[in-house]
Each structure stands twice: as structure tokens, then as C-alpha cells.
Protein backbone atom coordinates (compact mmCIF):
# COMPACT_ATOMS: atom_id res chain seq x y z
CA MET A 1 -6.35 28.50 -22.96
CA THR A 2 -6.64 24.72 -22.67
CA THR A 3 -10.18 23.46 -23.15
CA THR A 4 -11.79 20.06 -22.74
CA ASP A 5 -14.62 18.38 -24.60
CA PRO A 6 -17.08 17.36 -21.87
CA THR A 7 -18.20 14.31 -23.87
CA THR A 8 -14.72 12.83 -24.14
CA ASP A 9 -12.47 14.58 -21.59
CA LEU A 10 -10.01 15.17 -24.44
CA VAL A 11 -7.96 18.35 -24.24
CA SER A 12 -7.95 20.44 -27.41
CA ASP A 13 -4.14 20.64 -27.57
CA ALA A 14 -3.43 17.17 -26.12
CA ARG A 15 -0.26 15.43 -27.23
CA ARG A 16 1.52 12.21 -26.36
CA VAL A 17 5.00 12.33 -24.88
CA ASP A 18 7.57 9.71 -23.96
CA ALA A 19 9.55 9.54 -20.72
CA ALA A 20 12.01 12.19 -21.88
CA GLY A 21 9.19 14.50 -22.96
CA ALA A 22 7.47 14.12 -19.60
CA ALA A 23 10.75 14.83 -17.82
CA GLN A 24 11.18 18.00 -19.86
CA VAL A 25 7.75 19.27 -18.79
CA LEU A 26 8.77 18.84 -15.15
CA SER A 27 12.25 20.26 -15.66
CA ASP A 28 10.80 23.47 -17.09
CA ALA A 29 8.44 24.02 -14.14
CA SER A 30 9.08 25.68 -10.78
CA ALA A 31 5.85 24.90 -8.90
CA ILE A 32 4.16 21.53 -9.40
CA GLY A 33 1.01 19.97 -7.99
CA VAL A 34 0.74 16.16 -8.07
CA VAL A 35 -2.77 14.72 -7.95
CA CYS A 36 -3.57 11.11 -7.00
CA HIS A 37 -6.93 9.54 -7.71
CA VAL A 38 -9.85 9.38 -5.30
CA PHE A 39 -9.90 6.36 -2.99
CA PRO A 40 -6.20 5.92 -3.61
CA ASP A 41 -4.23 2.71 -3.88
CA ALA A 42 -0.50 2.07 -3.67
CA ASP A 43 0.12 2.74 -7.36
CA THR A 44 -1.28 6.27 -7.39
CA ILE A 45 0.17 7.23 -3.99
CA GLY A 46 3.49 5.49 -4.67
CA ALA A 47 3.83 7.21 -8.03
CA GLY A 48 2.85 10.59 -6.61
CA LEU A 49 5.20 10.45 -3.63
CA ALA A 50 8.12 9.04 -5.61
CA LEU A 51 7.81 11.84 -8.14
CA ALA A 52 7.34 14.48 -5.45
CA LEU A 53 10.41 13.34 -3.50
CA VAL A 54 12.58 13.78 -6.58
CA LEU A 55 10.98 17.11 -7.50
CA ASP A 56 11.60 18.38 -3.98
CA ARG A 57 15.21 17.21 -4.17
CA CYS A 58 15.53 19.16 -7.44
CA GLY A 59 14.45 22.36 -5.70
CA LYS A 60 10.93 22.42 -7.12
CA GLN A 61 7.97 23.61 -5.07
CA VAL A 62 5.76 20.52 -4.93
CA GLN A 63 2.64 19.29 -3.18
CA VAL A 64 0.73 16.00 -3.42
CA SER A 65 -2.96 15.49 -2.69
CA PHE A 66 -6.06 13.40 -3.36
CA ALA A 67 -9.67 14.50 -3.05
CA ALA A 68 -11.26 11.64 -1.12
CA PRO A 69 -11.54 10.08 1.40
CA ALA A 70 -10.43 12.43 4.15
CA VAL A 71 -7.77 10.05 5.49
CA LEU A 72 -5.19 7.98 3.64
CA PRO A 73 -5.68 4.20 3.99
CA GLU A 74 -3.59 2.83 6.83
CA SER A 75 -1.73 0.47 4.51
CA LEU A 76 -0.19 3.44 2.68
CA ARG A 77 0.82 5.53 5.67
CA SER A 78 4.36 4.17 5.93
CA LEU A 79 5.33 5.26 2.40
CA PRO A 80 8.15 7.86 2.43
CA GLY A 81 7.40 11.44 1.44
CA GLY A 82 4.11 11.81 3.27
CA TRP A 83 5.19 15.24 4.54
CA LEU A 84 4.70 16.50 0.97
CA MET A 85 0.98 15.69 1.09
CA VAL A 86 -1.60 18.38 1.80
CA GLU A 87 -5.36 18.57 2.19
CA PRO A 88 -7.14 19.14 -1.13
CA ASP A 89 -8.31 22.58 -0.04
CA ASP A 90 -4.70 23.52 0.77
CA MET A 91 -3.39 22.44 -2.63
CA ARG A 92 -1.90 25.37 -4.51
CA ARG A 93 -3.83 26.44 -7.59
CA ASP A 94 -1.07 28.73 -8.92
CA VAL A 95 1.29 25.91 -9.97
CA ASP A 96 3.05 25.91 -13.33
CA VAL A 97 2.25 22.25 -13.96
CA ALA A 98 -0.32 19.88 -12.54
CA VAL A 99 0.55 16.18 -12.76
CA THR A 100 -1.97 13.36 -12.50
CA VAL A 101 -0.71 9.88 -11.66
CA ASP A 102 -2.61 6.65 -12.37
CA ILE A 103 -5.72 8.59 -13.41
CA PRO A 104 -7.47 7.64 -16.67
CA SER A 105 -10.18 10.33 -16.70
CA LEU A 106 -11.04 13.68 -15.16
CA ASN A 107 -13.75 12.31 -12.90
CA ARG A 108 -11.09 10.40 -10.92
CA LEU A 109 -9.67 13.75 -9.78
CA GLY A 110 -12.74 14.38 -7.65
CA GLY A 111 -12.65 17.75 -5.94
CA LEU A 112 -9.23 18.54 -7.41
CA GLY A 113 -10.57 18.59 -10.96
CA ASP A 114 -10.16 22.36 -11.17
CA LEU A 115 -6.39 21.82 -11.42
CA ALA A 116 -6.98 20.23 -14.83
CA THR A 117 -9.22 22.89 -16.30
CA THR A 118 -7.61 26.28 -15.67
CA GLY A 119 -5.26 26.57 -18.63
CA ARG A 120 -2.00 25.46 -17.00
CA GLN A 121 0.21 22.65 -18.25
CA LEU A 122 -1.28 19.29 -17.32
CA LEU A 123 0.96 16.21 -17.43
CA VAL A 124 -0.87 12.88 -17.35
CA ILE A 125 1.18 9.82 -16.29
CA ASP A 126 -0.81 6.60 -16.50
CA HIS A 127 -0.81 2.96 -17.60
CA HIS A 128 -4.54 2.41 -18.11
CA ALA A 129 -5.71 1.48 -21.61
CA SER A 130 -8.86 3.50 -20.94
CA ASN A 131 -6.92 6.76 -20.44
CA GLN A 132 -8.72 9.61 -22.18
CA LEU A 133 -5.61 11.73 -22.85
CA PHE A 134 -7.02 14.72 -21.00
CA GLY A 135 -3.65 16.38 -20.41
CA THR A 136 -1.71 18.89 -22.46
CA ALA A 137 1.07 16.26 -22.31
CA ASN A 138 0.17 12.59 -21.93
CA TYR A 139 2.77 10.00 -20.90
CA VAL A 140 0.49 6.99 -21.19
CA ASP A 141 1.60 3.41 -21.84
CA PRO A 142 -0.94 0.62 -21.22
CA SER A 143 1.78 -2.02 -21.53
CA ALA A 144 3.47 -0.76 -18.36
CA ASP A 145 3.04 -2.94 -15.28
CA SER A 146 2.17 0.05 -13.09
CA THR A 147 2.21 3.82 -13.13
CA THR A 148 5.13 3.69 -10.70
CA MET A 149 7.21 1.95 -13.38
CA LEU A 150 6.43 4.79 -15.78
CA VAL A 151 7.67 7.19 -13.11
CA ALA A 152 10.84 5.09 -12.80
CA GLU A 153 11.40 5.34 -16.55
CA LEU A 154 10.76 9.08 -16.45
CA LEU A 155 13.41 9.45 -13.74
CA ASP A 156 15.82 7.35 -15.79
CA ALA A 157 15.24 9.57 -18.82
CA TRP A 158 15.69 12.68 -16.66
CA GLY A 159 18.94 11.36 -15.22
CA GLU A 160 17.66 11.72 -11.66
CA PRO A 161 18.89 9.04 -9.21
CA ILE A 162 16.44 6.77 -7.44
CA ASP A 163 17.25 6.55 -3.75
CA VAL A 164 15.86 4.13 -1.17
CA ASP A 165 12.79 6.23 -0.29
CA VAL A 166 11.85 6.77 -3.93
CA ALA A 167 12.41 3.07 -4.65
CA HIS A 168 10.16 2.12 -1.74
CA CYS A 169 7.32 4.16 -3.25
CA LEU A 170 7.87 2.75 -6.73
CA TYR A 171 7.97 -0.81 -5.45
CA ALA A 172 4.71 -0.41 -3.53
CA GLY A 173 2.84 0.48 -6.70
CA LEU A 174 4.46 -2.27 -8.75
CA ILE A 175 3.70 -4.99 -6.21
CA THR A 176 0.08 -3.83 -5.90
CA ASP A 177 -0.66 -3.62 -9.61
CA THR A 178 0.98 -6.95 -10.49
CA GLY A 179 -0.40 -8.89 -7.52
CA SER A 180 3.16 -9.46 -6.34
CA PHE A 181 4.04 -10.48 -9.94
CA ARG A 182 1.30 -13.14 -10.05
CA TRP A 183 -1.07 -11.41 -12.51
CA PRO A 184 -0.69 -11.47 -16.30
CA LEU A 185 0.82 -8.54 -18.15
CA PRO A 186 -1.43 -5.95 -19.81
CA ALA A 187 -2.45 -6.75 -23.38
CA PRO A 188 -0.31 -5.28 -26.17
CA THR A 189 -1.48 -1.98 -27.62
CA GLY A 190 -1.01 -0.29 -30.94
CA TRP A 191 0.89 2.73 -29.62
CA ARG A 192 4.13 2.78 -27.67
CA PRO A 193 6.51 5.58 -26.74
CA PRO A 194 9.29 5.85 -29.37
CA GLY A 195 12.04 4.49 -27.12
CA ARG A 196 10.06 1.35 -26.36
CA ALA A 197 8.93 0.87 -29.96
CA ARG A 198 12.52 0.23 -31.02
CA CYS A 199 12.73 -2.68 -28.57
CA GLY A 200 10.19 -4.68 -30.58
CA GLN A 201 8.76 -6.55 -27.55
CA ARG A 202 6.73 -5.75 -24.50
CA ARG A 203 8.67 -5.65 -21.26
CA SER A 204 8.16 -8.78 -19.18
CA GLN A 205 7.42 -8.76 -15.49
CA GLN A 206 10.86 -10.22 -14.95
CA ASP A 207 12.32 -7.14 -16.65
CA ALA A 208 10.29 -4.91 -14.37
CA ALA A 209 11.43 -6.82 -11.32
CA GLY A 210 15.02 -6.34 -12.45
CA HIS A 211 14.79 -2.56 -12.69
CA PRO A 212 17.38 -0.98 -10.38
CA SER A 213 14.69 0.84 -8.40
CA VAL A 214 12.91 -2.43 -7.67
CA ARG A 215 16.06 -4.25 -6.61
CA LEU A 216 16.90 -1.34 -4.32
CA ALA A 217 13.43 -1.38 -2.82
CA VAL A 218 13.49 -5.09 -2.09
CA ASP A 219 16.42 -4.46 0.23
CA ALA A 220 14.83 -1.37 1.77
CA VAL A 221 11.15 -2.11 2.32
CA ALA A 222 11.58 -4.71 5.06
CA GLY A 223 13.12 -2.17 7.39
CA ALA A 224 10.95 0.75 6.36
CA GLY A 225 7.70 -0.29 7.99
CA SER A 226 8.57 1.41 11.25
CA ARG A 227 9.18 4.75 9.50
CA SER A 228 6.08 6.90 9.77
CA CYS A 229 4.95 9.84 7.67
CA CYS A 230 3.53 12.92 9.20
CA PRO A 231 0.90 14.78 7.11
CA THR A 232 -2.33 15.72 8.87
CA ARG A 233 -4.30 13.25 6.75
CA TRP A 234 -2.65 10.26 8.40
């Protein structure tokens, strides 16, 4: 059984994975629960919905939730995939894999923390330097511009296409966490996933902006504001 050290939130069998390793965890699962952090922003919701839309398209059973507040902020309600969101009490606890997005520590799970402590596979996807590697598999890269860009790289490694709805979600997180590309990049760190290490340089914001998912979203977002989502938390 997976155990955590309450003083550090570290999981006893924690390991780091790259984008391909994270994709393999998801590929092997049938039922997946995606958890966004409490008081969510566009990066956590965008990452969660983008991932869930692709998982649903792949035939996986998937739900997305966050513990608080009771209603999603109005600014996030037009993001595609909202029909995959459920109330925290309705979130399945019998999933094969729980995935946390944009969450550096267990306390940011709020009332959904039990999904991280019951012995199942726990995939952590995050770009915070403070991440405590509390998953059984940790796809964590503090040099990434946003968690949504890590999801984009995961989908690239998995070979799953990024359609307009997925791109919209990814773009929302990227724009939020870079201040519309005005803020400086995260500081370099000592560890990088193997594929990135071979590149020898940190990705620039211009590189991020040139990712196919971002270019697709730029064309799509302007006309997507009128599309509404329909979970009960809206």
C-alpha cells in the first residue's frame, strides 16, 4: 500500500516520470479521477479538462472535480469539457488512477485528499518548484510555463491529437500563468525530464506560444465564449 510521511507529504514509493511515463500511467488505466486544486484558477481547470476530454475520447471512464468553493468561478465556466465535472462527493473513489493537476502538496486537494491516500496509483502533474512529489508517479517540471503545457507535452508523447476544445483549455492555463506572456520564465532547476535535458536549454515563452495547441487555440478561443458548459456546479 502507498503511504505518505505526514511531515513531508512524500510518498514512500514516489518516482519521477517524463511525459511518456505519465502517458503510460494513463494508458494502462480504465477509470481515472482528475483533481484540481481548491479555489481553482485557469491552469488547474484548463489542465484537468483538457486531460479529461482526451481520456474520454480514448474510452476511459473519467471525472474531474475540485473540493472548494461550491461553484466554479464565472471566468472559467466557458471552458470546454465542463460536463465531465462532478461534485466532490460524487467523485468516484474506485478509480484505477487519480491525477492531480497544478497541485504542489496534499493540502491543496482539500476534501478530495482521500483520493491520494488509499493505495491507488497517483499521478502528479505540476510545474511548481515547491511540489512535494506526493504521487506514486510525479511528472513535475518547474521550468514549464504552466501545468497545461505539461499536459500538452504528455499528449504529444502519447500521440493523442489536440483538437480545438482541448487547445482552448490548454491556452487558458498558459495565458493565466504567464500573464499573457508578460511575466518572466520560471528559474532554471537542477532536474529536468530526460527528453528536455537533451535540449540543453530551457524552453522560451516564444517556444510555448508556438506549440501547435496554442496556435490552434488562438484561432478558436475568440468564438468559444458563447459556448457554455453544463455541470451542476456552474
